[in-house]
């Protein structure tokens, strides 16, 4: 306490001292610099948490967008599966025609 009164008296007697210097000296005497360290740590931690929240919010928005497209994607999948079945049947028919054409070709290639 005496030190703070001493600094206050010294401050008023010395007009060349700026308030920041007086604050720094007074904080040093009273041991308040540890609170500045704590304050800086909290600020850094808060920035990290806010960045994580921002990232999570963005990811949540992406997930919600994906979920809103579920019905359309399900319908598209069903349409593609139906097309796949149709194309598989067409391919099988083409393979049968190809096999018959090979047999005819082989028959025609034999000497009579």
PDB file of N, CA and C in Angstrom:
ATOM      1  N   UNK A   1       0.826  -1.192   0.000  1.00  0.00           N
ATOM      2  CA  UNK A   1       0.000   0.000   0.000  1.00  0.00           C
ATOM      3  C   UNK A   1       0.867   1.252   0.000  1.00  0.00           C
ATOM      4  N   UNK A   2       1.924   1.234   0.835  1.00  0.00           N
ATOM      5  CA  UNK A   2       2.805   2.392   0.895  1.00  0.00           C
ATOM      6  C   UNK A   2       3.439   2.670  -0.456  1.00  0.00           C
ATOM      7  N   UNK A   3       3.782   1.590  -1.154  1.00  0.00           N
ATOM      8  CA  UNK A   3       4.421   1.768  -2.459  1.00  0.00           C
ATOM      9  C   UNK A   3       3.464   2.440  -3.437  1.00  0.00           C
ATOM     10  N   UNK A   4       2.209   2.082  -3.380  1.00  0.00           N
ATOM     11  CA  UNK A   4       1.267   2.695  -4.310  1.00  0.00           C
ATOM     12  C   UNK A   4       1.051   4.165  -3.975  1.00  0.00           C
ATOM     13  N   UNK A   5       1.007   4.506  -2.689  1.00  0.00           N
ATOM     14  CA  UNK A   5       0.895   5.927  -2.316  1.00  0.00           C
ATOM     15  C   UNK A   5       2.137   6.695  -2.743  1.00  0.00           C
ATOM     16  N   UNK A   6       3.306   6.044  -2.586  1.00  0.00           N
ATOM     17  CA  UNK A   6       4.550   6.665  -2.986  1.00  0.00           C
ATOM     18  C   UNK A   6       4.543   6.957  -4.480  1.00  0.00           C
ATOM     19  N   UNK A   7       4.090   5.979  -5.268  1.00  0.00           N
ATOM     20  CA  UNK A   7       4.064   6.176  -6.715  1.00  0.00           C
ATOM     21  C   UNK A   7       3.056   7.243  -7.113  1.00  0.00           C
ATOM     22  N   UNK A   8       1.930   7.289  -6.429  1.00  0.00           N
ATOM     23  CA  UNK A   8       0.939   8.315  -6.744  1.00  0.00           C
ATOM     24  C   UNK A   8       1.503   9.698  -6.460  1.00  0.00           C
ATOM     25  N   UNK A   9       2.195   9.814  -5.333  1.00  0.00           N
ATOM     26  CA  UNK A   9       2.787  11.100  -4.997  1.00  0.00           C
ATOM     27  C   UNK A   9       3.864  11.471  -6.002  1.00  0.00           C
ATOM     28  N   UNK A  10       4.649  10.474  -6.392  1.00  0.00           N
ATOM     29  CA  UNK A  10       5.714  10.719  -7.363  1.00  0.00           C
ATOM     30  C   UNK A  10       5.123  11.083  -8.721  1.00  0.00           C
ATOM     31  N   UNK A  11       4.017  10.488  -9.044  1.00  0.00           N
ATOM     32  CA  UNK A  11       3.359  10.771 -10.320  1.00  0.00           C
ATOM     33  C   UNK A  11       2.897  12.221 -10.385  1.00  0.00           C
ATOM     34  N   UNK A  12       2.312  12.683  -9.323  1.00  0.00           N
ATOM     35  CA  UNK A  12       1.824  14.061  -9.333  1.00  0.00           C
ATOM     36  C   UNK A  12       2.966  15.059  -9.308  1.00  0.00           C
ATOM     37  N   UNK A  13       4.106  14.639  -8.765  1.00  0.00           N
ATOM     38  CA  UNK A  13       5.230  15.575  -8.707  1.00  0.00           C
ATOM     39  C   UNK A  13       6.027  15.592  -9.998  1.00  0.00           C
ATOM     40  N   UNK A  14       5.892  14.559 -10.835  1.00  0.00           N
ATOM     41  CA  UNK A  14       6.671  14.489 -12.063  1.00  0.00           C
ATOM     42  C   UNK A  14       5.731  14.531 -13.264  1.00  0.00           C
ATOM     43  N   UNK A  15       5.556  15.689 -13.880  1.00  0.00           N
ATOM     44  CA  UNK A  15       4.627  15.804 -15.000  1.00  0.00           C
ATOM     45  C   UNK A  15       5.117  15.105 -16.267  1.00  0.00           C
ATOM     46  N   UNK A  16       6.407  14.756 -16.330  1.00  0.00           N
ATOM     47  CA  UNK A  16       6.924  14.131 -17.551  1.00  0.00           C
ATOM     48  C   UNK A  16       6.545  12.662 -17.649  1.00  0.00           C
ATOM     49  N   UNK A  17       6.072  12.059 -16.589  1.00  0.00           N
ATOM     50  CA  UNK A  17       5.674  10.644 -16.621  1.00  0.00           C
ATOM     51  C   UNK A  17       4.299  10.512 -17.281  1.00  0.00           C
ATOM     52  N   UNK A  18       4.219   9.581 -18.194  1.00  0.00           N
ATOM     53  CA  UNK A  18       2.906   9.372 -18.815  1.00  0.00           C
ATOM     54  C   UNK A  18       2.135   8.313 -18.024  1.00  0.00           C
ATOM     55  N   UNK A  19       0.834   8.270 -18.167  1.00  0.00           N
ATOM     56  CA  UNK A  19       0.012   7.345 -17.384  1.00  0.00           C
ATOM     57  C   UNK A  19       0.358   5.876 -17.619  1.00  0.00           C
ATOM     58  N   UNK A  20       0.795   5.518 -18.805  1.00  0.00           N
ATOM     59  CA  UNK A  20       1.150   4.125 -19.077  1.00  0.00           C
ATOM     60  C   UNK A  20       2.370   3.694 -18.283  1.00  0.00           C
ATOM     61  N   UNK A  21       3.343   4.589 -18.168  1.00  0.00           N
ATOM     62  CA  UNK A  21       4.539   4.275 -17.387  1.00  0.00           C
ATOM     63  C   UNK A  21       4.175   4.107 -15.925  1.00  0.00           C
ATOM     64  N   UNK A  22       3.348   4.991 -15.424  1.00  0.00           N
ATOM     65  CA  UNK A  22       2.926   4.909 -14.024  1.00  0.00           C
ATOM     66  C   UNK A  22       2.162   3.611 -13.793  1.00  0.00           C
ATOM     67  N   UNK A  23       1.278   3.261 -14.723  1.00  0.00           N
ATOM     68  CA  UNK A  23       0.508   2.031 -14.596  1.00  0.00           C
ATOM     69  C   UNK A  23       1.428   0.821 -14.594  1.00  0.00           C
ATOM     70  N   UNK A  24       2.412   0.825 -15.476  1.00  0.00           N
ATOM     71  CA  UNK A  24       3.353  -0.296 -15.548  1.00  0.00           C
ATOM     72  C   UNK A  24       4.138  -0.445 -14.262  1.00  0.00           C
ATOM     73  N   UNK A  25       4.631   0.662 -13.731  1.00  0.00           N
ATOM     74  CA  UNK A  25       5.410   0.618 -12.488  1.00  0.00           C
ATOM     75  C   UNK A  25       4.533   0.157 -11.333  1.00  0.00           C
ATOM     76  N   UNK A  26       3.358   0.716 -11.223  1.00  0.00           N
ATOM     77  CA  UNK A  26       2.442   0.348 -10.150  1.00  0.00           C
ATOM     78  C   UNK A  26       2.042  -1.126 -10.263  1.00  0.00           C
ATOM     79  N   UNK A  27       1.762  -1.601 -11.461  1.00  0.00           N
ATOM     80  CA  UNK A  27       1.411  -3.000 -11.664  1.00  0.00           C
ATOM     81  C   UNK A  27       2.561  -3.913 -11.274  1.00  0.00           C
ATOM     82  N   UNK A  28       3.782  -3.493 -11.588  1.00  0.00           N
ATOM     83  CA  UNK A  28       4.956  -4.285 -11.248  1.00  0.00           C
ATOM     84  C   UNK A  28       5.127  -4.379  -9.741  1.00  0.00           C
ATOM     85  N   UNK A  29       4.953  -3.280  -9.056  1.00  0.00           N
ATOM     86  CA  UNK A  29       5.108  -3.272  -7.598  1.00  0.00           C
ATOM     87  C   UNK A  29       4.033  -4.130  -6.942  1.00  0.00           C
ATOM     88  N   UNK A  30       2.812  -4.047  -7.428  1.00  0.00           N
ATOM     89  CA  UNK A  30       1.715  -4.794  -6.830  1.00  0.00           C
ATOM     90  C   UNK A  30       1.628  -6.243  -7.332  1.00  0.00           C
ATOM     91  N   UNK A  31       2.472  -6.600  -8.293  1.00  0.00           N
ATOM     92  CA  UNK A  31       2.476  -7.970  -8.801  1.00  0.00           C
ATOM     93  C   UNK A  31       1.307  -8.269  -9.718  1.00  0.00           C
ATOM     94  N   UNK A  32       0.831  -7.260 -10.411  1.00  0.00           N
ATOM     95  CA  UNK A  32      -0.330  -7.443 -11.280  1.00  0.00           C
ATOM     96  C   UNK A  32       0.029  -7.969 -12.670  1.00  0.00           C
ATOM     97  N   UNK A  33       1.316  -8.050 -12.987  1.00  0.00           N
ATOM     98  CA  UNK A  33       1.704  -8.505 -14.327  1.00  0.00           C
ATOM     99  C   UNK A  33       1.272  -9.950 -14.575  1.00  0.00           C
ATOM    100  N   UNK A  34       1.137 -10.736 -13.524  1.00  0.00           N
ATOM    101  CA  UNK A  34       0.682 -12.111 -13.699  1.00  0.00           C
ATOM    102  C   UNK A  34      -0.745 -12.131 -14.273  1.00  0.00           C
ATOM    103  N   UNK A  35      -1.553 -11.137 -13.926  1.00  0.00           N
ATOM    104  CA  UNK A  35      -2.912 -11.065 -14.452  1.00  0.00           C
ATOM    105  C   UNK A  35      -2.913 -10.708 -15.929  1.00  0.00           C
ATOM    106  N   UNK A  36      -1.930  -9.949 -16.349  1.00  0.00           N
ATOM    107  CA  UNK A  36      -1.801  -9.659 -17.784  1.00  0.00           C
ATOM    108  C   UNK A  36      -1.465 -10.933 -18.555  1.00  0.00           C
ATOM    109  N   UNK A  37      -0.605 -11.763 -17.955  1.00  0.00           N
ATOM    110  CA  UNK A  37      -0.265 -13.043 -18.585  1.00  0.00           C
ATOM    111  C   UNK A  37      -1.521 -13.906 -18.694  1.00  0.00           C
ATOM    112  N   UNK A  38      -2.286 -13.972 -17.594  1.00  0.00           N
ATOM    113  CA  UNK A  38      -3.537 -14.735 -17.615  1.00  0.00           C
ATOM    114  C   UNK A  38      -4.487 -14.184 -18.670  1.00  0.00           C
ATOM    115  N   UNK A  39      -4.562 -12.873 -18.750  1.00  0.00           N
ATOM    116  CA  UNK A  39      -5.449 -12.228 -19.714  1.00  0.00           C
ATOM    117  C   UNK A  39      -5.057 -12.616 -21.140  1.00  0.00           C
ATOM    118  N   UNK A  40      -3.761 -12.576 -21.439  1.00  0.00           N
ATOM    119  CA  UNK A  40      -3.290 -12.936 -22.774  1.00  0.00           C
ATOM    120  C   UNK A  40      -3.589 -14.402 -23.093  1.00  0.00           C
ATOM    121  N   UNK A  41      -3.403 -15.268 -22.108  1.00  0.00           N
ATOM    122  CA  UNK A  41      -3.700 -16.684 -22.317  1.00  0.00           C
ATOM    123  C   UNK A  41      -5.183 -16.896 -22.606  1.00  0.00           C
ATOM    124  N   UNK A  42      -6.007 -16.194 -21.866  1.00  0.00           N
ATOM    125  CA  UNK A  42      -7.459 -16.314 -22.080  1.00  0.00           C
ATOM    126  C   UNK A  42      -7.836 -15.805 -23.465  1.00  0.00           C
ATOM    127  N   UNK A  43      -7.238 -14.703 -23.876  1.00  0.00           N
ATOM    128  CA  UNK A  43      -7.523 -14.158 -25.209  1.00  0.00           C
ATOM    129  C   UNK A  43      -7.120 -15.157 -26.287  1.00  0.00           C
ATOM    130  N   UNK A  44      -5.936 -15.762 -26.152  1.00  0.00           N
ATOM    131  CA  UNK A  44      -5.477 -16.740 -27.131  1.00  0.00           C
ATOM    132  C   UNK A  44      -6.379 -17.967 -27.138  1.00  0.00           C
ATOM    133  N   UNK A  45      -6.743 -18.436 -25.952  1.00  0.00           N
ATOM    134  CA  UNK A  45      -7.606 -19.605 -25.869  1.00  0.00           C
ATOM    135  C   UNK A  45      -8.980 -19.306 -26.475  1.00  0.00           C
ATOM    136  N   UNK A  46      -9.510 -18.114 -26.189  1.00  0.00           N
ATOM    137  CA  UNK A  46     -10.810 -17.733 -26.722  1.00  0.00           C
ATOM    138  C   UNK A  46     -10.774 -17.693 -28.254  1.00  0.00           C
ATOM    139  N   UNK A  47      -9.687 -17.154 -28.806  1.00  0.00           N
ATOM    140  CA  UNK A  47      -9.567 -17.114 -30.266  1.00  0.00           C
ATOM    141  C   UNK A  47      -9.566 -18.519 -30.851  1.00  0.00           C
ATOM    142  N   UNK A  48      -8.856 -19.430 -30.178  1.00  0.00           N
ATOM    143  CA  UNK A  48      -8.828 -20.819 -30.644  1.00  0.00           C
ATOM    144  C   UNK A  48     -10.195 -21.465 -30.588  1.00  0.00           C
ATOM    145  N   UNK A  49     -10.901 -21.239 -29.496  1.00  0.00           N
ATOM    146  CA  UNK A  49     -12.246 -21.808 -29.346  1.00  0.00           C
ATOM    147  C   UNK A  49     -13.194 -21.199 -30.368  1.00  0.00           C
ATOM    148  N   UNK A  50     -13.102 -19.898 -30.591  1.00  0.00           N
ATOM    149  CA  UNK A  50     -13.969 -19.256 -31.586  1.00  0.00           C
ATOM    150  C   UNK A  50     -13.688 -19.792 -32.980  1.00  0.00           C
ATOM    151  N   UNK A  51     -12.411 -20.027 -33.290  1.00  0.00           N
ATOM    152  CA  UNK A  51     -12.076 -20.592 -34.600  1.00  0.00           C
ATOM    153  C   UNK A  51     -12.637 -22.008 -34.728  1.00  0.00           C
ATOM    154  N   UNK A  52     -12.554 -22.779 -33.658  1.00  0.00           N
ATOM    155  CA  UNK A  52     -13.101 -24.137 -33.678  1.00  0.00           C
ATOM    156  C   UNK A  52     -14.621 -24.104 -33.842  1.00  0.00           C
ATOM    157  N   UNK A  53     -15.273 -23.191 -33.155  1.00  0.00           N
ATOM    158  CA  UNK A  53     -16.732 -23.045 -33.286  1.00  0.00           C
ATOM    159  C   UNK A  53     -17.094 -22.661 -34.720  1.00  0.00           C
ATOM    160  N   UNK A  54     -16.321 -21.740 -35.305  1.00  0.00           N
ATOM    161  CA  UNK A  54     -16.565 -21.322 -36.684  1.00  0.00           C
ATOM    162  C   UNK A  54     -16.448 -22.523 -37.628  1.00  0.00           C
ATOM    163  N   UNK A  55     -15.400 -23.327 -37.432  1.00  0.00           N
ATOM    164  CA  UNK A  55     -15.208 -24.511 -38.275  1.00  0.00           C
ATOM    165  C   UNK A  55     -16.348 -25.506 -38.094  1.00  0.00           C
ATOM    166  N   UNK A  56     -16.758 -25.706 -36.839  1.00  0.00           N
ATOM    167  CA  UNK A  56     -17.851 -26.639 -36.575  1.00  0.00           C
ATOM    168  C   UNK A  56     -19.163 -26.133 -37.159  1.00  0.00           C
ATOM    169  N   UNK A  57     -19.390 -24.829 -37.085  1.00  0.00           N
ATOM    170  CA  UNK A  57     -20.598 -24.261 -37.685  1.00  0.00           C
ATOM    171  C   UNK A  57     -20.608 -24.485 -39.197  1.00  0.00           C
ATOM    172  N   UNK A  58     -19.454 -24.300 -39.813  1.00  0.00           N
ATOM    173  CA  UNK A  58     -19.356 -24.534 -41.251  1.00  0.00           C
ATOM    174  C   UNK A  58     -19.606 -25.990 -41.601  1.00  0.00           C
ATOM    175  N   UNK A  59     -19.035 -26.875 -40.816  1.00  0.00           N
ATOM    176  CA  UNK A  59     -19.228 -28.309 -41.058  1.00  0.00           C
ATOM    177  C   UNK A  59     -20.693 -28.691 -40.845  1.00  0.00           C
ATOM    178  N   UNK A  60     -21.304 -28.114 -39.808  1.00  0.00           N
ATOM    179  CA  UNK A  60     -22.723 -28.380 -39.539  1.00  0.00           C
ATOM    180  C   UNK A  60     -23.579 -27.920 -40.711  1.00  0.00           C
ATOM    181  N   UNK A  61     -23.262 -26.776 -41.280  1.00  0.00           N
ATOM    182  CA  UNK A  61     -24.006 -26.280 -42.440  1.00  0.00           C
ATOM    183  C   UNK A  61     -23.852 -27.238 -43.624  1.00  0.00           C
ATOM    184  N   UNK A  62     -22.635 -27.754 -43.825  1.00  0.00           N
ATOM    185  CA  UNK A  62     -22.413 -28.715 -44.908  1.00  0.00           C
ATOM    186  C   UNK A  62     -23.230 -29.979 -44.691  1.00  0.00           C
ATOM    187  N   UNK A  63     -23.251 -30.453 -43.450  1.00  0.00           N
ATOM    188  CA  UNK A  63     -24.009 -31.674 -43.137  1.00  0.00           C
ATOM    189  C   UNK A  63     -25.494 -31.441 -43.363  1.00  0.00           C
ATOM    190  N   UNK A  64     -25.993 -30.296 -42.928  1.00  0.00           N
ATOM    191  CA  UNK A  64     -27.409 -29.990 -43.124  1.00  0.00           C
ATOM    192  C   UNK A  64     -27.759 -29.904 -44.608  1.00  0.00           C
ATOM    193  N   UNK A  65     -26.851 -29.351 -45.406  1.00  0.00           N
ATOM    194  CA  UNK A  65     -27.064 -29.286 -46.852  1.00  0.00           C
ATOM    195  C   UNK A  65     -27.131 -30.693 -47.439  1.00  0.00           C
ATOM    196  N   UNK A  66     -26.191 -31.540 -47.006  1.00  0.00           N
ATOM    197  CA  UNK A  66     -26.194 -32.930 -47.472  1.00  0.00           C
ATOM    198  C   UNK A  66     -27.492 -33.628 -47.092  1.00  0.00           C
ATOM    199  N   UNK A  67     -27.937 -33.420 -45.861  1.00  0.00           N
ATOM    200  CA  UNK A  67     -29.165 -34.066 -45.402  1.00  0.00           C
ATOM    201  C   UNK A  67     -30.390 -33.566 -46.163  1.00  0.00           C
ATOM    202  N   UNK A  68     -30.395 -32.304 -46.532  1.00  0.00           N
ATOM    203  CA  UNK A  68     -31.539 -31.767 -47.272  1.00  0.00           C
ATOM    204  C   UNK A  68     -31.605 -32.335 -48.689  1.00  0.00           C
ATOM    205  N   UNK A  69     -30.484 -32.840 -49.190  1.00  0.00           N
ATOM    206  CA  UNK A  69     -30.442 -33.408 -50.534  1.00  0.00           C
ATOM    207  C   UNK A  69     -30.702 -34.915 -50.540  1.00  0.00           C
ATOM    208  N   UNK A  70     -30.994 -35.481 -49.387  1.00  0.00           N
ATOM    209  CA  UNK A  70     -31.155 -36.932 -49.287  1.00  0.00           C
ATOM    210  C   UNK A  70     -32.252 -37.466 -50.203  1.00  0.00           C
ATOM    211  N   UNK A  71     -33.408 -36.851 -50.198  1.00  0.00           N
ATOM    212  CA  UNK A  71     -34.535 -37.332 -51.010  1.00  0.00           C
ATOM    213  C   UNK A  71     -34.188 -37.320 -52.494  1.00  0.00           C
ATOM    214  N   UNK A  72     -33.623 -36.212 -52.954  1.00  0.00           N
ATOM    215  CA  UNK A  72     -33.262 -36.104 -54.378  1.00  0.00           C
ATOM    216  C   UNK A  72     -32.199 -37.134 -54.739  1.00  0.00           C
ATOM    217  N   UNK A  73     -31.246 -37.345 -53.856  1.00  0.00           N
ATOM    218  CA  UNK A  73     -30.188 -38.321 -54.145  1.00  0.00           C
ATOM    219  C   UNK A  73     -30.728 -39.745 -54.148  1.00  0.00           C
ATOM    220  N   UNK A  74     -31.663 -40.016 -53.251  1.00  0.00           N
ATOM    221  CA  UNK A  74     -32.270 -41.345 -53.213  1.00  0.00           C
ATOM    222  C   UNK A  74     -33.035 -41.611 -54.506  1.00  0.00           C
ATOM    223  N   UNK A  75     -33.787 -40.619 -54.959  1.00  0.00           N
ATOM    224  CA  UNK A  75     -34.526 -40.766 -56.218  1.00  0.00           C
ATOM    225  C   UNK A  75     -33.573 -40.955 -57.391  1.00  0.00           C
ATOM    226  N   UNK A  76     -32.485 -40.208 -57.407  1.00  0.00           N
ATOM    227  CA  UNK A  76     -31.486 -40.324 -58.480  1.00  0.00           C
ATOM    228  C   UNK A  76     -30.851 -41.717 -58.473  1.00  0.00           C
ATOM    229  N   UNK A  77     -30.560 -42.213 -57.267  1.00  0.00           N
ATOM    230  CA  UNK A  77     -29.978 -43.552 -57.144  1.00  0.00           C
ATOM    231  C   UNK A  77     -30.928 -44.604 -57.690  1.00  0.00           C
ATOM    232  N   UNK A  78     -32.204 -44.496 -57.356  1.00  0.00           N
ATOM    233  CA  UNK A  78     -33.187 -45.456 -57.851  1.00  0.00           C
ATOM    234  C   UNK A  78     -33.283 -45.406 -59.375  1.00  0.00           C
ATOM    235  N   UNK A  79     -33.251 -44.198 -59.934  1.00  0.00           N
ATOM    236  CA  UNK A  79     -33.304 -44.056 -61.399  1.00  0.00           C
ATOM    237  C   UNK A  79     -32.066 -44.676 -62.037  1.00  0.00           C
ATOM    238  N   UNK A  80     -30.907 -44.444 -61.452  1.00  0.00           N
ATOM    239  CA  UNK A  80     -29.674 -45.013 -62.003  1.00  0.00           C
ATOM    240  C   UNK A  80     -29.665 -46.536 -61.886  1.00  0.00           C
ATOM    241  N   UNK A  81     -30.193 -47.065 -60.795  1.00  0.00           N
ATOM    242  CA  UNK A  81     -30.260 -48.518 -60.647  1.00  0.00           C
ATOM    243  C   UNK A  81     -31.195 -49.125 -61.687  1.00  0.00           C
ATOM    244  N   UNK A  82     -32.310 -48.448 -61.960  1.00  0.00           N
ATOM    245  CA  UNK A  82     -33.232 -48.926 -62.988  1.00  0.00           C
ATOM    246  C   UNK A  82     -32.557 -48.895 -64.357  1.00  0.00           C
ATOM    247  N   UNK A  83     -31.832 -47.812 -64.640  1.00  0.00           N
ATOM    248  CA  UNK A  83     -31.097 -47.715 -65.910  1.00  0.00           C
ATOM    249  C   UNK A  83     -30.048 -48.827 -66.010  1.00  0.00           C
ATOM    250  N   UNK A  84     -29.396 -49.112 -64.906  1.00  0.00           N
ATOM    251  CA  UNK A  84     -28.374 -50.156 -64.892  1.00  0.00           C
ATOM    252  C   UNK A  84     -28.987 -51.515 -65.216  1.00  0.00           C
ATOM    253  N   UNK A  85     -30.127 -51.805 -64.636  1.00  0.00           N
ATOM    254  CA  UNK A  85     -30.806 -53.078 -64.933  1.00  0.00           C
ATOM    255  C   UNK A  85     -31.175 -53.155 -66.405  1.00  0.00           C
ATOM    256  N   UNK A  86     -31.714 -52.061 -66.941  1.00  0.00           N
ATOM    257  CA  UNK A  86     -32.107 -52.023 -68.353  1.00  0.00           C
ATOM    258  C   UNK A  86     -30.879 -52.225 -69.248  1.00  0.00           C
ATOM    259  N   UNK A  87     -29.798 -51.537 -68.926  1.00  0.00           N
ATOM    260  CA  UNK A  87     -28.581 -51.659 -69.743  1.00  0.00           C
ATOM    261  C   UNK A  87     -27.954 -53.046 -69.613  1.00  0.00           C
ATOM    262  N   UNK A  88     -28.059 -53.658 -68.444  1.00  0.00           N
ATOM    263  CA  UNK A  88     -27.533 -55.020 -68.269  1.00  0.00           C
ATOM    264  C   UNK A  88     -28.299 -55.999 -69.141  1.00  0.00           C
ATOM    265  N   UNK A  89     -29.640 -55.841 -69.212  1.00  0.00           N
ATOM    266  CA  UNK A  89     -30.454 -56.705 -70.085  1.00  0.00           C
ATOM    267  C   UNK A  89     -30.087 -56.489 -71.548  1.00  0.00           C
ATOM    268  N   UNK A  90     -29.901 -55.228 -71.928  1.00  0.00           N
ATOM    269  CA  UNK A  90     -29.539 -54.916 -73.317  1.00  0.00           C
ATOM    270  C   UNK A  90     -28.174 -55.506 -73.658  1.00  0.00           C
ATOM    271  N   UNK A  91     -27.251 -55.428 -72.716  1.00  0.00           N
ATOM    272  CA  UNK A  91     -25.908 -55.988 -72.952  1.00  0.00           C
ATOM    273  C   UNK A  91     -25.990 -57.495 -73.113  1.00  0.00           C
ATOM    274  N   UNK A  92     -26.770 -58.151 -72.289  1.00  0.00           N
ATOM    275  CA  UNK A  92     -26.911 -59.603 -72.385  1.00  0.00           C
ATOM    276  C   UNK A  92     -27.485 -59.992 -73.751  1.00  0.00           C
ATOM    277  N   UNK A  93     -28.479 -59.227 -74.209  1.00  0.00           N
ATOM    278  CA  UNK A  93     -29.067 -59.500 -75.524  1.00  0.00           C
ATOM    279  C   UNK A  93     -28.028 -59.299 -76.623  1.00  0.00           C
ATOM    280  N   UNK A  94     -27.231 -58.248 -76.518  1.00  0.00           N
ATOM    281  CA  UNK A  94     -26.189 -57.988 -77.517  1.00  0.00           C
ATOM    282  C   UNK A  94     -25.140 -59.103 -77.500  1.00  0.00           C
ATOM    283  N   UNK A  95     -24.799 -59.596 -76.302  1.00  0.00           N
ATOM    284  CA  UNK A  95     -23.831 -60.691 -76.212  1.00  0.00           C
ATOM    285  C   UNK A  95     -24.378 -61.953 -76.886  1.00  0.00           C
ATOM    286  N   UNK A  96     -25.663 -62.211 -76.705  1.00  0.00           N
ATOM    287  CA  UNK A  96     -26.280 -63.383 -77.357  1.00  0.00           C
ATOM    288  C   UNK A  96     -26.259 -63.240 -78.871  1.00  0.00           C
ATOM    289  N   UNK A  97     -26.561 -62.031 -79.350  1.00  0.00           N
ATOM    290  CA  UNK A  97     -26.507 -61.793 -80.801  1.00  0.00           C
ATOM    291  C   UNK A  97     -25.083 -61.951 -81.327  1.00  0.00           C
ATOM    292  N   UNK A  98     -24.125 -61.472 -80.574  1.00  0.00           N
ATOM    293  CA  UNK A  98     -22.723 -61.604 -80.976  1.00  0.00           C
ATOM    294  C   UNK A  98     -22.328 -63.069 -81.028  1.00  0.00           C
ATOM    295  N   UNK A  99     -22.745 -63.838 -80.044  1.00  0.00           N
ATOM    296  CA  UNK A  99     -22.411 -65.267 -80.024  1.00  0.00           C
ATOM    297  C   UNK A  99     -23.032 -65.980 -81.224  1.00  0.00           C
ATOM    298  N   UNK A 100     -24.270 -65.644 -81.560  1.00  0.00           N
ATOM    299  CA  UNK A 100     -24.920 -66.249 -82.730  1.00  0.00           C
ATOM    300  C   UNK A 100     -24.201 -65.839 -84.010  1.00  0.00           C
ATOM    301  N   UNK A 101     -23.783 -64.590 -84.091  1.00  0.00           N
ATOM    302  CA  UNK A 101     -23.068 -64.130 -85.289  1.00  0.00           C
ATOM    303  C   UNK A 101     -21.738 -64.868 -85.420  1.00  0.00           C
ATOM    304  N   UNK A 102     -21.073 -65.136 -84.335  1.00  0.00           N
ATOM    305  CA  UNK A 102     -19.801 -65.886 -84.388  1.00  0.00           C
ATOM    306  C   UNK A 102     -20.039 -67.327 -84.859  1.00  0.00           C
ATOM    307  N   UNK A 103     -21.123 -67.909 -84.366  1.00  0.00           N
ATOM    308  CA  UNK A 103     -21.441 -69.281 -84.788  1.00  0.00           C
ATOM    309  C   UNK A 103     -21.727 -69.318 -86.291  1.00  0.00           C
ATOM    310  N   UNK A 104     -22.491 -68.343 -86.778  1.00  0.00           N
ATOM    311  CA  UNK A 104     -22.800 -68.276 -88.220  1.00  0.00           C
ATOM    312  C   UNK A 104     -21.510 -68.063 -89.004  1.00  0.00           C
ATOM    313  N   UNK A 105     -20.667 -67.194 -88.532  1.00  0.00           N
ATOM    314  CA  UNK A 105     -19.401 -66.917 -89.195  1.00  0.00           C
ATOM    315  C   UNK A 105     -18.543 -68.172 -89.245  1.00  0.00           C
ATOM    316  N   UNK A 106     -18.514 -68.877 -88.086  1.00  0.00           N
ATOM    317  CA  UNK A 106     -17.706 -70.117 -88.031  1.00  0.00           C
ATOM    318  C   UNK A 106     -18.267 -71.157 -88.998  1.00  0.00           C
ATOM    319  N   UNK A 107     -19.582 -71.232 -89.104  1.00  0.00           N
ATOM    320  CA  UNK A 107     -20.222 -72.178 -90.001  1.00  0.00           C
ATOM    321  C   UNK A 107     -19.909 -71.828 -91.453  1.00  0.00           C
ATOM    322  N   UNK A 108     -19.961 -70.568 -91.789  1.00  0.00           N
ATOM    323  CA  UNK A 108     -19.669 -70.124 -93.160  1.00  0.00           C
ATOM    324  C   UNK A 108     -18.192 -70.270 -93.501  1.00  0.00           C
ATOM    325  N   UNK A 109     -17.362 -70.205 -92.505  1.00  0.00           N
ATOM    326  CA  UNK A 109     -15.919 -70.321 -92.761  1.00  0.00           C
ATOM    327  C   UNK A 109     -15.487 -71.753 -92.998  1.00  0.00           C
ATOM    328  N   UNK A 110     -16.283 -72.741 -92.635  1.00  0.00           N
ATOM    329  CA  UNK A 110     -15.932 -74.144 -92.854  1.00  0.00           C
ATOM    330  C   UNK A 110     -16.057 -74.493 -94.343  1.00  0.00           C
ATOM    331  N   UNK A 111     -15.146 -75.319 -94.817  1.00  0.00           N
ATOM    332  CA  UNK A 111     -15.233 -75.705 -96.225  1.00  0.00           C
ATOM    333  C   UNK A 111     -16.459 -76.592 -96.464  1.00  0.00           C
ATOM    334  N   UNK A 112     -17.078 -76.405 -97.558  1.00  0.00           N
ATOM    335  CA  UNK A 112     -18.288 -77.151 -97.870  1.00  0.00           C
ATOM    336  C   UNK A 112     -18.044 -78.508 -98.405  1.00  0.00           C
TER     337      UNK A 112
END
